[in-house]
Protein backbone atom coordinates (compact mmCIF):
# COMPACT_ATOMS: atom_id res chain seq x y z
CA MET A 1 -11.79 -10.17 -10.00
CA LYS A 2 -8.02 -10.50 -10.29
CA THR A 3 -5.89 -12.66 -8.02
CA PHE A 4 -3.51 -11.62 -5.27
CA ALA A 5 -0.63 -12.95 -7.40
CA GLN A 6 -1.72 -10.64 -10.24
CA LEU A 7 -1.76 -7.69 -7.84
CA LYS A 8 1.75 -8.45 -6.64
CA GLY A 9 2.88 -8.80 -10.25
CA ASP A 10 1.35 -5.45 -11.24
CA LEU A 11 3.01 -3.55 -8.38
CA VAL A 12 6.52 -3.30 -9.78
CA LYS A 13 9.11 -0.65 -8.98
CA GLY A 14 8.01 2.67 -10.50
CA THR A 15 4.28 1.88 -10.51
CA THR A 16 2.21 4.90 -9.46
CA ILE A 17 -0.69 4.49 -7.04
CA LYS A 18 -3.27 6.85 -5.59
CA THR A 19 -4.69 6.41 -2.09
CA ILE A 20 -8.47 6.47 -2.38
CA TYR A 21 -9.20 5.50 1.24
CA ASN A 22 -6.98 5.17 4.31
CA HIS A 23 -8.93 4.17 7.41
CA PHE A 24 -6.04 4.94 9.77
CA ARG A 25 -4.80 8.21 8.25
CA PRO A 26 -7.60 9.86 6.27
CA GLU A 27 -5.39 12.90 5.63
CA ARG A 28 -3.50 10.64 3.20
CA ASN A 29 -6.55 10.15 0.96
CA GLY A 30 -5.78 11.48 -2.51
CA GLU A 31 -1.99 11.09 -2.16
CA ILE A 32 -0.07 9.80 -5.14
CA ARG A 33 3.05 7.71 -4.60
CA LYS A 34 5.37 5.43 -6.52
CA VAL A 35 6.43 1.93 -5.65
CA GLY A 36 10.07 2.29 -4.61
CA LYS A 37 10.98 -1.29 -3.70
CA VAL A 38 9.44 -4.73 -4.11
CA GLN A 39 10.09 -7.82 -2.00
CA LYS A 40 8.34 -11.17 -1.83
CA ASN A 41 6.69 -10.30 1.50
CA ALA A 42 6.22 -6.51 1.08
CA ILE A 43 6.34 -3.46 -1.13
CA ALA A 44 7.53 0.02 -0.23
CA PHE A 45 6.21 3.34 -1.43
CA GLU A 46 8.47 6.35 -1.86
CA ILE A 47 7.81 9.04 0.75
CA PRO A 48 7.72 12.59 -0.64
CA LYS A 49 10.60 14.74 0.69
CA GLU A 50 8.29 17.01 2.67
CA GLN A 51 6.94 13.99 4.61
CA GLN A 52 10.26 12.27 5.30
CA VAL A 53 11.35 12.03 8.93
CA VAL A 54 14.43 10.84 10.78
CA GLY A 55 13.92 7.31 12.07
CA ILE A 56 15.02 5.76 15.34
CA TRP A 57 18.45 4.88 13.90
CA GLY A 58 19.12 8.46 12.80
CA GLN A 59 18.50 7.83 9.11
CA VAL A 60 15.97 9.66 6.96
CA GLN A 61 13.05 7.37 6.13
CA THR A 62 12.44 7.48 2.39
CA LEU A 63 10.15 4.44 2.10
CA SER A 64 6.82 3.47 3.66
CA TRP A 65 6.35 -0.31 3.85
CA LEU A 66 3.23 -2.33 3.16
CA TRP A 67 3.69 -5.88 4.46
CA TRP A 68 1.60 -8.54 2.71
CA THR A 69 -0.86 -10.51 4.81
CA LYS A 70 -2.88 -13.48 3.61
CA ALA A 71 -4.34 -13.33 0.11
CA SER A 72 -7.95 -13.43 1.35
CA ASN A 73 -7.46 -9.92 2.80
CA TYR A 74 -7.16 -8.40 -0.70
CA GLU A 75 -9.60 -7.63 -3.48
CA TYR A 76 -8.29 -6.55 -6.88
CA GLU A 77 -10.52 -5.53 -9.76
CA GLU A 78 -9.48 -3.55 -12.83
CA ASN A 79 -7.00 -1.01 -11.41
CA ILE A 80 -8.41 -0.80 -7.85
CA PHE A 81 -7.24 -2.90 -4.93
CA LYS A 82 -8.68 -3.05 -1.43
CA ILE A 83 -6.98 -4.25 1.72
CA TYR A 84 -8.94 -5.63 4.66
CA ASP A 85 -7.82 -6.28 8.24
CA GLU A 86 -9.34 -8.87 10.50
CA VAL A 87 -10.72 -7.30 13.66
CA ASN A 88 -12.52 -9.42 16.24
CA GLY A 89 -13.08 -12.14 13.64
CA LYS A 90 -14.58 -9.75 11.07
CA LYS A 91 -13.03 -8.22 7.97
CA GLU A 92 -12.87 -4.44 8.01
CA LEU A 93 -11.82 -2.27 5.08
CA SER A 94 -8.50 -0.53 5.79
CA PHE A 95 -7.23 0.80 2.45
CA ILE A 96 -8.30 1.38 -1.15
CA TYR A 97 -5.65 2.15 -3.76
CA GLU A 98 -5.85 2.91 -7.46
CA ILE A 99 -3.04 1.96 -9.83
CA ILE A 100 -2.67 4.93 -12.20
């Protein structure tokens, strides 16, 4: 098992990921995206042109943000990372991504 710090280090601008499982939006399973921006507290994935929308400030949204939570909510092994959310005191799987 790799550490959360290793995951953050591996997700640099330009890294390609594939969504294996999205609990909230299953229609996104199988999508391939690139990391477009990296910050200490978040990363952003580039949104394909056909999925871009105009945001509340009238600008086209070109990035989809993933805000980091605590390290214990992540599992990272080989090139697969899983993200868990805490719901009613229990961890529930929310996302699985593959770094390709």
